[in-house]
Amino acid sequence: MKAKEYREMGMDELGDRLKELQRNLFDLRTQAVTEKLENSKAIRNIRRDIARLKTVINEKSRTSLPVPAA
Protein backbone atom coordinates (compact mmCIF):
# COMPACT_ATOMS: atom_id res chain seq x y z
CA MET A 1 0.00 0.00 0.00
CA LYS A 2 1.20 3.51 -0.70
CA ALA A 3 1.77 6.14 1.99
CA LYS A 4 -0.86 8.31 0.33
CA GLU A 5 -3.47 5.62 0.97
CA TYR A 6 -2.38 5.35 4.61
CA ARG A 7 -2.68 9.13 5.06
CA GLU A 8 -6.35 8.94 4.05
CA MET A 9 -7.10 6.42 6.83
CA GLY A 10 -8.12 7.26 10.37
CA MET A 11 -5.96 6.49 13.41
CA ASP A 12 -8.11 3.50 14.39
CA GLU A 13 -7.80 2.00 10.92
CA LEU A 14 -4.05 2.60 10.95
CA GLY A 15 -3.69 0.83 14.28
CA ASP A 16 -5.69 -2.16 13.05
CA ARG A 17 -3.67 -2.32 9.84
CA LEU A 18 -0.41 -2.18 11.83
CA LYS A 19 -1.48 -5.13 13.98
CA GLU A 20 -2.47 -7.05 10.86
CA LEU A 21 0.88 -6.40 9.16
CA GLN A 22 2.85 -7.34 12.27
CA ARG A 23 0.91 -10.61 12.49
CA ASN A 24 1.61 -11.30 8.79
CA LEU A 25 5.30 -10.62 9.36
CA PHE A 26 5.34 -13.08 12.26
CA ASP A 27 3.67 -15.71 10.08
CA LEU A 28 6.15 -15.15 7.26
CA ARG A 29 9.12 -15.42 9.63
CA THR A 30 7.69 -18.67 10.97
CA GLN A 31 7.37 -19.99 7.43
CA ALA A 32 10.96 -18.95 6.70
CA VAL A 33 12.25 -20.92 9.69
CA THR A 34 10.31 -24.03 8.72
CA GLU A 35 11.49 -23.61 5.09
CA LYS A 36 7.97 -23.29 3.70
CA LEU A 37 8.25 -19.69 2.55
CA GLU A 38 7.43 -19.42 -1.16
CA ASN A 39 8.08 -15.71 -1.74
CA SER A 40 11.27 -14.57 -0.03
CA LYS A 41 10.63 -10.91 -0.90
CA ALA A 42 7.37 -10.93 1.03
CA ILE A 43 9.18 -10.32 4.33
CA ARG A 44 10.94 -7.28 2.90
CA ASN A 45 7.70 -5.89 1.49
CA ILE A 46 5.83 -6.33 4.78
CA ARG A 47 8.65 -4.67 6.72
CA ARG A 48 8.57 -1.68 4.36
CA ASP A 49 4.79 -1.42 4.67
CA ILE A 50 5.13 -1.42 8.46
CA ALA A 51 7.73 1.34 8.24
CA ARG A 52 5.48 3.42 5.95
CA LEU A 53 2.57 2.91 8.30
CA LYS A 54 4.55 3.90 11.38
CA THR A 55 5.77 7.01 9.57
CA VAL A 56 2.22 8.08 8.77
CA ILE A 57 1.10 7.38 12.36
CA ASN A 58 3.99 9.50 13.63
CA GLU A 59 3.13 12.33 11.22
CA LYS A 60 -0.51 12.30 12.28
CA SER A 61 0.35 12.27 15.97
CA ARG A 62 2.74 15.22 15.54
CA THR A 63 0.18 17.32 13.70
CA SER A 64 -2.41 16.78 16.41
CA LEU A 65 -0.08 18.09 19.18
CA PRO A 66 -0.04 21.82 19.92
CA VAL A 67 3.16 23.65 19.00
CA PRO A 68 4.89 25.12 22.09
CA ALA A 69 5.58 28.87 22.02
CA ALA A 70 9.24 29.80 22.00
C-alpha atoms as a PDB file:
ATOM      1  CA  MET A   1       0.000   0.000   0.000  1.00  0.00           C
ATOM      2  CA  LYS A   2       1.201   3.507  -0.701  1.00  0.00           C
ATOM      3  CA  ALA A   3       1.774   6.141   1.991  1.00  0.00           C
ATOM      4  CA  LYS A   4      -0.859   8.315   0.326  1.00  0.00           C
ATOM      5  CA  GLU A   5      -3.470   5.622   0.966  1.00  0.00           C
ATOM      6  CA  TYR A   6      -2.381   5.350   4.609  1.00  0.00           C
ATOM      7  CA  ARG A   7      -2.684   9.127   5.062  1.00  0.00           C
ATOM      8  CA  GLU A   8      -6.349   8.936   4.053  1.00  0.00           C
ATOM      9  CA  MET A   9      -7.098   6.417   6.829  1.00  0.00           C
ATOM     10  CA  GLY A  10      -8.120   7.260  10.370  1.00  0.00           C
ATOM     11  CA  MET A  11      -5.961   6.493  13.406  1.00  0.00           C
ATOM     12  CA  ASP A  12      -8.113   3.497  14.387  1.00  0.00           C
ATOM     13  CA  GLU A  13      -7.798   2.002  10.922  1.00  0.00           C
ATOM     14  CA  LEU A  14      -4.047   2.596  10.947  1.00  0.00           C
ATOM     15  CA  GLY A  15      -3.689   0.827  14.284  1.00  0.00           C
ATOM     16  CA  ASP A  16      -5.689  -2.159  13.048  1.00  0.00           C
ATOM     17  CA  ARG A  17      -3.667  -2.317   9.839  1.00  0.00           C
ATOM     18  CA  LEU A  18      -0.407  -2.183  11.825  1.00  0.00           C
ATOM     19  CA  LYS A  19      -1.476  -5.130  13.982  1.00  0.00           C
ATOM     20  CA  GLU A  20      -2.469  -7.050  10.864  1.00  0.00           C
ATOM     21  CA  LEU A  21       0.879  -6.402   9.158  1.00  0.00           C
ATOM     22  CA  GLN A  22       2.847  -7.345  12.267  1.00  0.00           C
ATOM     23  CA  ARG A  23       0.911 -10.612  12.487  1.00  0.00           C
ATOM     24  CA  ASN A  24       1.613 -11.296   8.789  1.00  0.00           C
ATOM     25  CA  LEU A  25       5.302 -10.616   9.363  1.00  0.00           C
ATOM     26  CA  PHE A  26       5.342 -13.077  12.263  1.00  0.00           C
ATOM     27  CA  ASP A  27       3.668 -15.712  10.083  1.00  0.00           C
ATOM     28  CA  LEU A  28       6.153 -15.151   7.262  1.00  0.00           C
ATOM     29  CA  ARG A  29       9.115 -15.423   9.626  1.00  0.00           C
ATOM     30  CA  THR A  30       7.689 -18.674  10.971  1.00  0.00           C
ATOM     31  CA  GLN A  31       7.372 -19.993   7.434  1.00  0.00           C
ATOM     32  CA  ALA A  32      10.959 -18.951   6.703  1.00  0.00           C
ATOM     33  CA  VAL A  33      12.254 -20.919   9.694  1.00  0.00           C
ATOM     34  CA  THR A  34      10.307 -24.026   8.717  1.00  0.00           C
ATOM     35  CA  GLU A  35      11.494 -23.605   5.095  1.00  0.00           C
ATOM     36  CA  LYS A  36       7.967 -23.294   3.701  1.00  0.00           C
ATOM     37  CA  LEU A  37       8.253 -19.692   2.545  1.00  0.00           C
ATOM     38  CA  GLU A  38       7.435 -19.423  -1.157  1.00  0.00           C
ATOM     39  CA  ASN A  39       8.079 -15.713  -1.744  1.00  0.00           C
ATOM     40  CA  SER A  40      11.274 -14.569  -0.030  1.00  0.00           C
ATOM     41  CA  LYS A  41      10.633 -10.911  -0.897  1.00  0.00           C
ATOM     42  CA  ALA A  42       7.367 -10.926   1.031  1.00  0.00           C
ATOM     43  CA  ILE A  43       9.182 -10.323   4.330  1.00  0.00           C
ATOM     44  CA  ARG A  44      10.938  -7.279   2.902  1.00  0.00           C
ATOM     45  CA  ASN A  45       7.699  -5.894   1.492  1.00  0.00           C
ATOM     46  CA  ILE A  46       5.830  -6.331   4.780  1.00  0.00           C
ATOM     47  CA  ARG A  47       8.653  -4.672   6.721  1.00  0.00           C
ATOM     48  CA  ARG A  48       8.569  -1.684   4.361  1.00  0.00           C
ATOM     49  CA  ASP A  49       4.790  -1.420   4.669  1.00  0.00           C
ATOM     50  CA  ILE A  50       5.133  -1.420   8.465  1.00  0.00           C
ATOM     51  CA  ALA A  51       7.734   1.345   8.241  1.00  0.00           C
ATOM     52  CA  ARG A  52       5.477   3.419   5.954  1.00  0.00           C
ATOM     53  CA  LEU A  53       2.566   2.906   8.299  1.00  0.00           C
ATOM     54  CA  LYS A  54       4.553   3.896  11.382  1.00  0.00           C
ATOM     55  CA  THR A  55       5.773   7.008   9.571  1.00  0.00           C
ATOM     56  CA  VAL A  56       2.219   8.081   8.775  1.00  0.00           C
ATOM     57  CA  ILE A  57       1.105   7.381  12.358  1.00  0.00           C
ATOM     58  CA  ASN A  58       3.992   9.504  13.633  1.00  0.00           C
ATOM     59  CA  GLU A  59       3.125  12.332  11.215  1.00  0.00           C
ATOM     60  CA  LYS A  60      -0.510  12.304  12.283  1.00  0.00           C
ATOM     61  CA  SER A  61       0.354  12.274  15.972  1.00  0.00           C
ATOM     62  CA  ARG A  62       2.744  15.217  15.538  1.00  0.00           C
ATOM     63  CA  THR A  63       0.185  17.322  13.697  1.00  0.00           C
ATOM     64  CA  SER A  64      -2.413  16.783  16.406  1.00  0.00           C
ATOM     65  CA  LEU A  65      -0.084  18.092  19.176  1.00  0.00           C
ATOM     66  CA  PRO A  66      -0.044  21.821  19.917  1.00  0.00           C
ATOM     67  CA  VAL A  67       3.157  23.653  18.996  1.00  0.00           C
ATOM     68  CA  PRO A  68       4.893  25.123  22.092  1.00  0.00           C
ATOM     69  CA  ALA A  69       5.577  28.870  22.025  1.00  0.00           C
ATOM     70  CA  ALA A  70       9.244  29.798  21.996  1.00  0.00           C
END
